[in-house]
């Protein structure tokens, strides 16, 4: 994305696709650490059965599981939307270029 000679923002499909790739990668990279944290809190909670903090550790893992899963889904949705926007921009650009390429009909 950049400024053109008129000072307007120009959206490039390649920039949208690059941003989509970053969002997708972030969501994918979050998966293992999130699952590890949830598993660890459950394991430690089980090992500390009878201790007052065991229930809190268990709730910590299960409590963060859904919001972090939602974050991963939001990143995946963002990536999909950015790719869809890139495709739409390319389609629009081809349609406009095609309209200008057609020779005018009629005339003298």
Protein backbone atom coordinates (compact mmCIF):
# COMPACT_ATOMS: atom_id res chain seq x y z
CA UNK A 1 0.00 0.00 0.00
CA UNK A 2 1.38 3.41 -0.80
CA UNK A 3 0.64 6.96 -1.80
CA UNK A 4 0.37 7.73 -5.48
CA UNK A 5 0.92 11.10 -7.18
CA UNK A 6 -2.55 12.33 -6.16
CA UNK A 7 -1.98 11.63 -2.48
CA UNK A 8 -4.54 8.82 -2.43
CA UNK A 9 -3.86 5.43 -0.93
CA UNK A 10 -3.25 2.71 -3.52
CA UNK A 11 -4.04 -0.85 -2.50
CA UNK A 12 -1.93 -3.53 -4.14
CA UNK A 13 -3.23 -7.11 -4.17
CA UNK A 14 0.29 -8.36 -3.45
CA UNK A 15 0.32 -6.31 -0.23
CA UNK A 16 -3.05 -7.74 0.78
CA UNK A 17 -1.82 -11.27 0.12
CA UNK A 18 1.37 -10.62 2.11
CA UNK A 19 -0.69 -9.38 5.05
CA UNK A 20 -2.94 -12.42 4.73
CA UNK A 21 0.09 -14.66 4.88
CA UNK A 22 1.31 -12.98 8.05
CA UNK A 23 -2.10 -13.27 9.74
CA UNK A 24 -2.35 -16.95 8.76
CA UNK A 25 1.16 -17.68 10.02
CA UNK A 26 0.51 -15.97 13.34
CA UNK A 27 -2.63 -18.03 13.88
CA UNK A 28 -0.83 -21.26 13.01
CA UNK A 29 2.17 -20.42 15.20
CA UNK A 30 -0.12 -19.77 18.18
CA UNK A 31 -1.50 -23.32 18.08
CA UNK A 32 1.31 -25.33 19.70
CA UNK A 33 2.11 -22.88 22.53
CA UNK A 34 -1.58 -22.50 23.40
CA UNK A 35 -2.12 -26.24 23.44
CA UNK A 36 1.06 -26.71 25.48
CA UNK A 37 -0.08 -24.14 28.05
CA UNK A 38 -3.51 -25.76 28.38
CA UNK A 39 -2.01 -29.24 28.69
CA UNK A 40 0.58 -28.08 31.21
CA UNK A 41 -1.99 -26.36 33.42
CA UNK A 42 -4.16 -29.51 33.38
CA UNK A 43 -1.16 -31.74 34.14
CA UNK A 44 0.06 -29.58 37.00
CA UNK A 45 -3.47 -29.30 38.35
CA UNK A 46 -3.72 -33.10 38.42
CA UNK A 47 -0.34 -33.41 40.10
CA UNK A 48 -1.37 -30.94 42.79
CA UNK A 49 -4.71 -32.60 43.58
CA UNK A 50 -5.63 -31.71 47.12
CA UNK A 51 -3.77 -28.43 47.05
CA UNK A 52 -5.81 -25.23 47.12
CA UNK A 53 -4.28 -23.99 43.85
CA UNK A 54 -5.13 -27.12 41.84
CA UNK A 55 -8.61 -25.91 40.87
CA UNK A 56 -7.30 -22.49 39.90
CA UNK A 57 -4.66 -24.01 37.64
CA UNK A 58 -7.24 -26.17 35.95
CA UNK A 59 -9.54 -23.17 35.41
CA UNK A 60 -6.63 -21.15 34.08
CA UNK A 61 -6.01 -23.62 31.27
CA UNK A 62 -9.63 -24.16 30.35
CA UNK A 63 -10.44 -20.46 30.77
CA UNK A 64 -7.80 -19.33 28.28
CA UNK A 65 -8.43 -22.14 25.81
CA UNK A 66 -11.55 -20.62 24.22
CA UNK A 67 -10.38 -16.98 23.94
CA UNK A 68 -7.07 -18.06 22.44
CA UNK A 69 -8.87 -20.42 20.08
CA UNK A 70 -11.13 -17.53 19.10
CA UNK A 71 -8.04 -15.38 18.46
CA UNK A 72 -6.60 -18.06 16.18
CA UNK A 73 -9.91 -18.25 14.29
CA UNK A 74 -10.03 -14.46 13.95
CA UNK A 75 -6.53 -14.48 12.45
CA UNK A 76 -7.58 -17.22 10.01
CA UNK A 77 -10.71 -15.25 9.07
CA UNK A 78 -8.65 -12.09 8.61
CA UNK A 79 -6.28 -13.95 6.29
CA UNK A 80 -9.22 -15.30 4.27
CA UNK A 81 -10.80 -11.83 4.02
CA UNK A 82 -7.53 -10.21 2.93
CA UNK A 83 -7.10 -12.85 0.22
CA UNK A 84 -10.69 -12.31 -0.91
CA UNK A 85 -10.07 -8.56 -1.11
CA UNK A 86 -6.92 -9.14 -3.16
CA UNK A 87 -8.87 -11.35 -5.57
CA UNK A 88 -11.64 -8.73 -5.83
CA UNK A 89 -9.12 -5.96 -6.58
CA UNK A 90 -7.48 -8.08 -9.28
CA UNK A 91 -10.86 -8.91 -10.82
CA UNK A 92 -11.87 -5.23 -10.79
CA UNK A 93 -8.56 -4.19 -12.35
CA UNK A 94 -8.93 -6.80 -15.13
CA UNK A 95 -12.53 -5.73 -15.77
CA UNK A 96 -11.55 -2.07 -16.05
CA UNK A 97 -8.58 -2.86 -18.28
CA UNK A 98 -10.81 -5.01 -20.47
CA UNK A 99 -13.39 -2.24 -20.79
CA UNK A 100 -10.74 0.21 -21.98
CA UNK A 101 -9.32 -2.33 -24.43
CA UNK A 102 -12.61 -2.70 -26.33
CA UNK A 103 -12.68 -0.57 -29.48
CA UNK A 104 -15.48 1.99 -29.57
CA UNK A 105 -18.46 0.94 -31.70
CA UNK A 106 -20.09 3.07 -34.34
CA UNK A 107 -18.86 6.49 -35.27
CA UNK A 108 -18.19 8.05 -38.66
